[in-house]
Amino acid sequence: MSEQAGTVRVPDGADAPPISPGLDVRAIQVPSALVLTGELDIAGVERFREAIAPSLGHGGTVILDLTNLAFMDSSGIHVLLDAAKRLDGKGCLFLHGVHEPVTRLFELVGISGFENIHVIGCDVDPFLIQA
């Protein structure tokens, strides 16, 4: 740090611009969000695939609220992994409200190993679907 407060010395010896201790806050549109209620199994996979297709085409963060999802089988896992692969390099899946028994299924298949899948356990229904 140079003698001037807030100035950082860069490797070539030139001073960088002062660091401003400010905060920038901007309102943005909520990214694509889908709320899943009931069961994501072989009977509902095609419906889910059709519903998520536009979000995958746009890229960015795709929010899937699983707060009210009661069950998921291997076909549900496969469709989530396929969605993550389609987003690879251009977005991620944000899985909110993951709870048992889905949490256990995610642990068994190692879903946390996918860089563009983010799993958040929460009991709060963010969209107040069941309010």
N, C-alpha and C. Protein backbone atom coordinates (compact mmCIF):
# COMPACT_ATOMS: atom_id res chain seq x y z
N MET A 1 0.86 -1.17 0.00
CA MET A 1 0.00 0.00 0.00
C MET A 1 0.90 1.22 0.00
N SER A 2 0.61 2.16 -0.85
CA SER A 2 1.39 3.39 -0.88
C SER A 2 0.98 4.29 0.29
N GLU A 3 1.62 5.43 0.39
CA GLU A 3 1.33 6.34 1.49
C GLU A 3 -0.05 6.98 1.34
N GLN A 4 -0.56 7.07 0.12
CA GLN A 4 -1.88 7.66 -0.09
C GLN A 4 -2.93 6.62 0.28
N ALA A 5 -3.84 6.98 1.17
CA ALA A 5 -4.87 6.05 1.64
C ALA A 5 -5.70 5.55 0.48
N GLY A 6 -5.94 4.24 0.45
CA GLY A 6 -6.81 3.65 -0.55
C GLY A 6 -6.13 3.39 -1.88
N THR A 7 -4.85 3.63 -2.01
CA THR A 7 -4.15 3.39 -3.26
C THR A 7 -3.36 2.09 -3.13
N VAL A 8 -3.44 1.26 -4.14
CA VAL A 8 -2.76 -0.02 -4.14
C VAL A 8 -1.62 0.04 -5.15
N ARG A 9 -0.46 -0.44 -4.76
CA ARG A 9 0.70 -0.46 -5.64
C ARG A 9 0.59 -1.71 -6.52
N VAL A 10 0.65 -1.53 -7.82
CA VAL A 10 0.60 -2.65 -8.75
C VAL A 10 2.01 -3.07 -9.09
N PRO A 11 2.21 -4.28 -9.64
CA PRO A 11 3.54 -4.82 -9.84
C PRO A 11 4.51 -3.93 -10.61
N ASP A 12 4.04 -3.18 -11.61
CA ASP A 12 4.97 -2.38 -12.39
C ASP A 12 5.34 -1.07 -11.69
N GLY A 13 4.82 -0.88 -10.49
CA GLY A 13 5.16 0.30 -9.71
C GLY A 13 4.18 1.45 -9.85
N ALA A 14 3.24 1.37 -10.78
CA ALA A 14 2.25 2.44 -10.94
C ALA A 14 1.15 2.27 -9.91
N ASP A 15 0.58 3.39 -9.47
CA ASP A 15 -0.51 3.33 -8.49
C ASP A 15 -1.82 3.02 -9.20
N ALA A 16 -2.60 2.13 -8.60
CA ALA A 16 -3.93 1.83 -9.11
C ALA A 16 -4.88 2.91 -8.62
N PRO A 17 -6.04 3.04 -9.24
CA PRO A 17 -7.02 4.04 -8.78
C PRO A 17 -7.42 3.77 -7.33
N PRO A 18 -7.82 4.79 -6.61
CA PRO A 18 -8.23 4.61 -5.22
C PRO A 18 -9.39 3.63 -5.11
N ILE A 19 -9.40 2.87 -4.04
CA ILE A 19 -10.48 1.93 -3.77
C ILE A 19 -11.60 2.70 -3.08
N SER A 20 -12.79 2.67 -3.65
CA SER A 20 -13.93 3.38 -3.10
C SER A 20 -14.75 2.42 -2.26
N PRO A 21 -14.91 2.70 -0.98
CA PRO A 21 -15.71 1.81 -0.13
C PRO A 21 -17.20 2.07 -0.31
N GLY A 22 -17.74 1.71 -1.46
CA GLY A 22 -19.15 1.97 -1.72
C GLY A 22 -19.90 0.68 -1.96
N LEU A 23 -21.16 0.83 -2.18
CA LEU A 23 -22.03 -0.30 -2.45
C LEU A 23 -22.92 0.04 -3.61
N ASP A 24 -22.95 -0.82 -4.60
CA ASP A 24 -23.82 -0.65 -5.75
C ASP A 24 -24.94 -1.67 -5.64
N VAL A 25 -26.18 -1.22 -5.62
CA VAL A 25 -27.33 -2.10 -5.52
C VAL A 25 -28.24 -1.84 -6.71
N ARG A 26 -28.54 -2.92 -7.43
CA ARG A 26 -29.42 -2.79 -8.60
C ARG A 26 -30.52 -3.83 -8.52
N ALA A 27 -31.72 -3.43 -8.86
CA ALA A 27 -32.83 -4.39 -8.96
C ALA A 27 -32.74 -5.04 -10.34
N ILE A 28 -32.87 -6.37 -10.38
CA ILE A 28 -32.85 -7.09 -11.64
C ILE A 28 -34.07 -7.99 -11.72
N GLN A 29 -34.41 -8.41 -12.90
CA GLN A 29 -35.50 -9.36 -13.07
C GLN A 29 -35.06 -10.70 -12.50
N VAL A 30 -35.96 -11.41 -11.85
CA VAL A 30 -35.65 -12.73 -11.32
C VAL A 30 -35.38 -13.66 -12.50
N PRO A 31 -34.32 -14.46 -12.39
CA PRO A 31 -34.05 -15.40 -13.47
C PRO A 31 -35.18 -16.41 -13.61
N SER A 32 -35.09 -17.22 -14.63
CA SER A 32 -36.09 -18.25 -14.85
C SER A 32 -36.30 -19.09 -13.60
N ALA A 33 -37.55 -19.30 -13.22
CA ALA A 33 -37.85 -20.08 -12.03
C ALA A 33 -39.01 -21.04 -12.32
N LEU A 34 -38.84 -22.28 -11.88
CA LEU A 34 -39.90 -23.27 -11.98
C LEU A 34 -40.16 -23.81 -10.59
N VAL A 35 -41.43 -23.97 -10.25
CA VAL A 35 -41.82 -24.52 -8.96
C VAL A 35 -42.36 -25.92 -9.20
N LEU A 36 -41.72 -26.90 -8.58
CA LEU A 36 -42.14 -28.29 -8.74
C LEU A 36 -42.93 -28.71 -7.50
N THR A 37 -44.12 -29.25 -7.73
CA THR A 37 -44.99 -29.70 -6.65
C THR A 37 -45.42 -31.13 -6.97
N GLY A 38 -45.37 -31.99 -5.97
CA GLY A 38 -45.79 -33.38 -6.17
C GLY A 38 -44.61 -34.30 -6.32
N GLU A 39 -44.58 -35.06 -7.44
CA GLU A 39 -43.55 -36.06 -7.65
C GLU A 39 -42.90 -35.88 -9.02
N LEU A 40 -41.57 -35.91 -9.04
CA LEU A 40 -40.84 -35.88 -10.31
C LEU A 40 -40.34 -37.30 -10.55
N ASP A 41 -41.16 -38.05 -11.28
CA ASP A 41 -40.82 -39.44 -11.59
C ASP A 41 -41.03 -39.66 -13.07
N ILE A 42 -40.98 -40.90 -13.49
CA ILE A 42 -41.06 -41.20 -14.93
C ILE A 42 -42.35 -40.66 -15.55
N ALA A 43 -43.41 -40.58 -14.79
CA ALA A 43 -44.68 -40.08 -15.31
C ALA A 43 -44.64 -38.57 -15.60
N GLY A 44 -43.79 -37.83 -14.88
CA GLY A 44 -43.76 -36.38 -15.05
C GLY A 44 -42.54 -35.82 -15.74
N VAL A 45 -41.61 -36.68 -16.15
CA VAL A 45 -40.35 -36.21 -16.72
C VAL A 45 -40.55 -35.40 -18.00
N GLU A 46 -41.40 -35.87 -18.89
CA GLU A 46 -41.59 -35.15 -20.16
C GLU A 46 -42.23 -33.78 -19.93
N ARG A 47 -43.16 -33.72 -19.01
CA ARG A 47 -43.79 -32.43 -18.67
C ARG A 47 -42.73 -31.46 -18.14
N PHE A 48 -41.85 -31.97 -17.26
CA PHE A 48 -40.77 -31.13 -16.71
C PHE A 48 -39.81 -30.71 -17.83
N ARG A 49 -39.43 -31.65 -18.68
CA ARG A 49 -38.50 -31.36 -19.77
C ARG A 49 -39.05 -30.24 -20.68
N GLU A 50 -40.32 -30.30 -20.99
CA GLU A 50 -40.95 -29.27 -21.81
C GLU A 50 -40.98 -27.93 -21.09
N ALA A 51 -41.25 -27.96 -19.78
CA ALA A 51 -41.35 -26.72 -19.01
C ALA A 51 -39.99 -26.03 -18.85
N ILE A 52 -38.92 -26.79 -18.72
CA ILE A 52 -37.60 -26.20 -18.48
C ILE A 52 -36.87 -25.83 -19.77
N ALA A 53 -37.31 -26.36 -20.90
CA ALA A 53 -36.61 -26.14 -22.17
C ALA A 53 -36.36 -24.66 -22.50
N PRO A 54 -37.36 -23.77 -22.38
CA PRO A 54 -37.09 -22.36 -22.69
C PRO A 54 -36.02 -21.74 -21.78
N SER A 55 -36.02 -22.10 -20.51
CA SER A 55 -35.03 -21.58 -19.57
C SER A 55 -33.63 -22.05 -19.94
N LEU A 56 -33.51 -23.29 -20.35
CA LEU A 56 -32.21 -23.83 -20.75
C LEU A 56 -31.72 -23.15 -22.02
N GLY A 57 -32.64 -22.81 -22.89
CA GLY A 57 -32.27 -22.12 -24.12
C GLY A 57 -31.72 -20.73 -23.87
N HIS A 58 -32.27 -20.05 -22.86
CA HIS A 58 -31.81 -18.69 -22.52
C HIS A 58 -30.47 -18.72 -21.79
N GLY A 59 -30.25 -19.75 -20.99
CA GLY A 59 -29.03 -19.83 -20.18
C GLY A 59 -29.16 -18.98 -18.93
N GLY A 60 -28.05 -18.81 -18.23
CA GLY A 60 -28.07 -18.08 -16.96
C GLY A 60 -28.49 -18.99 -15.83
N THR A 61 -28.90 -18.40 -14.73
CA THR A 61 -29.32 -19.17 -13.57
C THR A 61 -30.77 -19.63 -13.76
N VAL A 62 -30.98 -20.91 -13.59
CA VAL A 62 -32.33 -21.48 -13.64
C VAL A 62 -32.66 -21.94 -12.23
N ILE A 63 -33.68 -21.33 -11.64
CA ILE A 63 -34.09 -21.67 -10.28
C ILE A 63 -35.18 -22.74 -10.34
N LEU A 64 -34.94 -23.82 -9.60
CA LEU A 64 -35.96 -24.85 -9.44
C LEU A 64 -36.30 -24.91 -7.96
N ASP A 65 -37.53 -24.55 -7.64
CA ASP A 65 -37.96 -24.60 -6.24
C ASP A 65 -38.55 -25.98 -5.99
N LEU A 66 -37.90 -26.74 -5.09
CA LEU A 66 -38.32 -28.10 -4.77
C LEU A 66 -38.97 -28.18 -3.39
N THR A 67 -39.31 -27.05 -2.82
CA THR A 67 -39.88 -27.01 -1.47
C THR A 67 -41.08 -27.93 -1.34
N ASN A 68 -41.93 -27.97 -2.35
CA ASN A 68 -43.16 -28.77 -2.29
C ASN A 68 -43.07 -30.05 -3.10
N LEU A 69 -41.83 -30.48 -3.42
CA LEU A 69 -41.63 -31.74 -4.13
C LEU A 69 -41.56 -32.86 -3.11
N ALA A 70 -42.46 -33.82 -3.22
CA ALA A 70 -42.54 -34.90 -2.23
C ALA A 70 -41.68 -36.09 -2.58
N PHE A 71 -41.37 -36.29 -3.88
CA PHE A 71 -40.66 -37.50 -4.29
C PHE A 71 -39.94 -37.25 -5.61
N MET A 72 -38.80 -37.92 -5.78
CA MET A 72 -38.09 -37.91 -7.04
C MET A 72 -37.44 -39.28 -7.21
N ASP A 73 -37.53 -39.84 -8.42
CA ASP A 73 -36.86 -41.11 -8.68
C ASP A 73 -35.69 -40.88 -9.63
N SER A 74 -35.10 -41.95 -10.12
CA SER A 74 -33.91 -41.84 -10.96
C SER A 74 -34.19 -41.10 -12.27
N SER A 75 -35.40 -41.19 -12.78
CA SER A 75 -35.71 -40.45 -14.01
C SER A 75 -35.68 -38.95 -13.75
N GLY A 76 -36.07 -38.53 -12.55
CA GLY A 76 -35.96 -37.12 -12.16
C GLY A 76 -34.51 -36.68 -12.08
N ILE A 77 -33.67 -37.52 -11.50
CA ILE A 77 -32.23 -37.23 -11.45
C ILE A 77 -31.68 -37.08 -12.85
N HIS A 78 -32.01 -38.00 -13.73
CA HIS A 78 -31.49 -37.95 -15.10
C HIS A 78 -31.89 -36.67 -15.82
N VAL A 79 -33.12 -36.23 -15.65
CA VAL A 79 -33.56 -35.01 -16.33
C VAL A 79 -32.87 -33.78 -15.75
N LEU A 80 -32.58 -33.78 -14.45
CA LEU A 80 -31.83 -32.67 -13.85
C LEU A 80 -30.38 -32.64 -14.37
N LEU A 81 -29.76 -33.82 -14.42
CA LEU A 81 -28.38 -33.88 -14.92
C LEU A 81 -28.31 -33.49 -16.39
N ASP A 82 -29.31 -33.88 -17.16
CA ASP A 82 -29.36 -33.49 -18.57
C ASP A 82 -29.50 -31.97 -18.69
N ALA A 83 -30.32 -31.37 -17.84
CA ALA A 83 -30.49 -29.91 -17.85
C ALA A 83 -29.17 -29.22 -17.51
N ALA A 84 -28.47 -29.74 -16.51
CA ALA A 84 -27.18 -29.15 -16.13
C ALA A 84 -26.17 -29.25 -17.26
N LYS A 85 -26.17 -30.38 -17.96
CA LYS A 85 -25.26 -30.56 -19.10
C LYS A 85 -25.59 -29.58 -20.22
N ARG A 86 -26.88 -29.35 -20.45
CA ARG A 86 -27.28 -28.39 -21.50
C ARG A 86 -26.88 -26.97 -21.14
N LEU A 87 -26.81 -26.67 -19.84
CA LEU A 87 -26.41 -25.33 -19.39
C LEU A 87 -24.90 -25.17 -19.28
N ASP A 88 -24.16 -26.25 -19.34
CA ASP A 88 -22.73 -26.22 -19.10
C ASP A 88 -22.05 -25.09 -19.87
N GLY A 89 -21.41 -24.21 -19.12
CA GLY A 89 -20.70 -23.09 -19.72
C GLY A 89 -21.56 -21.87 -19.95
N LYS A 90 -22.87 -22.01 -19.82
CA LYS A 90 -23.73 -20.84 -20.04
C LYS A 90 -24.78 -20.64 -18.96
N GLY A 91 -24.65 -21.39 -17.85
CA GLY A 91 -25.61 -21.21 -16.77
C GLY A 91 -25.52 -22.30 -15.73
N CYS A 92 -26.40 -22.20 -14.73
CA CYS A 92 -26.40 -23.19 -13.66
C CYS A 92 -27.82 -23.44 -13.17
N LEU A 93 -27.97 -24.58 -12.51
CA LEU A 93 -29.23 -24.92 -11.85
C LEU A 93 -29.10 -24.59 -10.38
N PHE A 94 -30.06 -23.86 -9.86
CA PHE A 94 -30.11 -23.51 -8.45
C PHE A 94 -31.32 -24.24 -7.88
N LEU A 95 -31.07 -25.32 -7.13
CA LEU A 95 -32.13 -26.15 -6.59
C LEU A 95 -32.43 -25.71 -5.16
N HIS A 96 -33.55 -25.05 -4.98
CA HIS A 96 -33.93 -24.49 -3.68
C HIS A 96 -34.95 -25.39 -2.98
N GLY A 97 -34.84 -25.47 -1.66
CA GLY A 97 -35.84 -26.19 -0.87
C GLY A 97 -35.71 -27.69 -0.94
N VAL A 98 -34.51 -28.19 -1.14
CA VAL A 98 -34.30 -29.63 -1.22
C VAL A 98 -34.39 -30.23 0.19
N HIS A 99 -35.19 -31.27 0.33
CA HIS A 99 -35.39 -31.92 1.63
C HIS A 99 -35.56 -33.42 1.42
N GLU A 100 -35.63 -34.16 2.53
CA GLU A 100 -35.82 -35.62 2.44
C GLU A 100 -37.14 -35.91 1.76
N PRO A 101 -37.21 -36.93 0.98
CA PRO A 101 -36.21 -37.93 0.64
C PRO A 101 -35.31 -37.54 -0.52
N VAL A 102 -35.55 -36.39 -1.13
CA VAL A 102 -34.76 -35.96 -2.29
C VAL A 102 -33.31 -35.70 -1.89
N THR A 103 -33.08 -35.16 -0.70
CA THR A 103 -31.72 -34.92 -0.23
C THR A 103 -30.90 -36.20 -0.24
N ARG A 104 -31.48 -37.27 0.25
CA ARG A 104 -30.78 -38.56 0.31
C ARG A 104 -30.47 -39.06 -1.10
N LEU A 105 -31.40 -38.91 -2.00
CA LEU A 105 -31.17 -39.33 -3.39
C LEU A 105 -30.02 -38.53 -4.00
N PHE A 106 -29.99 -37.22 -3.77
CA PHE A 106 -28.90 -36.38 -4.28
C PHE A 106 -27.56 -36.82 -3.71
N GLU A 107 -27.54 -37.19 -2.44
CA GLU A 107 -26.29 -37.66 -1.81
C GLU A 107 -25.83 -38.96 -2.45
N LEU A 108 -26.75 -39.87 -2.71
CA LEU A 108 -26.40 -41.16 -3.30
C LEU A 108 -25.80 -41.02 -4.69
N VAL A 109 -26.31 -40.10 -5.48
CA VAL A 109 -25.79 -39.95 -6.85
C VAL A 109 -24.66 -38.93 -6.95
N GLY A 110 -24.36 -38.25 -5.85
CA GLY A 110 -23.25 -37.29 -5.86
C GLY A 110 -23.52 -36.05 -6.67
N ILE A 111 -24.73 -35.55 -6.59
CA ILE A 111 -25.11 -34.38 -7.40
C ILE A 111 -24.30 -33.14 -7.04
N SER A 112 -23.77 -33.09 -5.82
CA SER A 112 -22.96 -31.93 -5.42
C SER A 112 -21.64 -31.87 -6.18
N GLY A 113 -21.29 -32.94 -6.88
CA GLY A 113 -20.05 -32.95 -7.66
C GLY A 113 -20.16 -32.20 -8.98
N PHE A 114 -21.33 -31.78 -9.35
CA PHE A 114 -21.51 -31.04 -10.60
C PHE A 114 -21.34 -29.55 -10.31
N GLU A 115 -20.41 -28.92 -11.02
CA GLU A 115 -20.08 -27.52 -10.75
C GLU A 115 -21.23 -26.56 -11.00
N ASN A 116 -22.12 -26.89 -11.90
CA ASN A 116 -23.19 -25.94 -12.20
C ASN A 116 -24.55 -26.35 -11.61
N ILE A 117 -24.51 -27.19 -10.56
CA ILE A 117 -25.72 -27.50 -9.80
C ILE A 117 -25.48 -27.06 -8.36
N HIS A 118 -26.34 -26.20 -7.86
CA HIS A 118 -26.23 -25.67 -6.50
C HIS A 118 -27.47 -26.09 -5.72
N VAL A 119 -27.26 -26.79 -4.61
CA VAL A 119 -28.36 -27.35 -3.83
C VAL A 119 -28.47 -26.60 -2.51
N ILE A 120 -29.66 -26.07 -2.23
CA ILE A 120 -29.93 -25.34 -1.00
C ILE A 120 -31.12 -25.98 -0.31
N GLY A 121 -30.90 -26.43 0.92
CA GLY A 121 -32.00 -26.95 1.72
C GLY A 121 -32.69 -25.80 2.44
N CYS A 122 -34.00 -25.76 2.39
CA CYS A 122 -34.75 -24.68 3.02
C CYS A 122 -36.21 -25.12 3.13
N ASP A 123 -36.85 -24.78 4.24
CA ASP A 123 -38.25 -25.13 4.43
C ASP A 123 -39.21 -24.01 4.06
N VAL A 124 -38.67 -22.85 3.69
CA VAL A 124 -39.51 -21.71 3.38
C VAL A 124 -39.91 -21.76 1.91
N ASP A 125 -41.18 -21.64 1.65
CA ASP A 125 -41.72 -21.63 0.29
C ASP A 125 -41.54 -20.20 -0.25
N PRO A 126 -40.50 -19.95 -1.07
CA PRO A 126 -40.19 -18.58 -1.48
C PRO A 126 -41.25 -17.93 -2.37
N PHE A 127 -42.05 -18.73 -3.02
CA PHE A 127 -43.06 -18.18 -3.91
C PHE A 127 -44.46 -18.29 -3.29
N LEU A 128 -44.50 -18.77 -2.04
CA LEU A 128 -45.75 -18.87 -1.26
C LEU A 128 -46.84 -19.63 -2.00
N ILE A 129 -46.43 -20.70 -2.66
CA ILE A 129 -47.38 -21.54 -3.42
C ILE A 129 -48.40 -22.18 -2.48
N GLN A 130 -47.94 -22.64 -1.32
CA GLN A 130 -48.83 -23.33 -0.38
C GLN A 130 -49.35 -22.40 0.71
N ALA A 131 -49.21 -21.08 0.56
CA ALA A 131 -49.63 -20.14 1.60
C ALA A 131 -51.14 -20.01 1.66
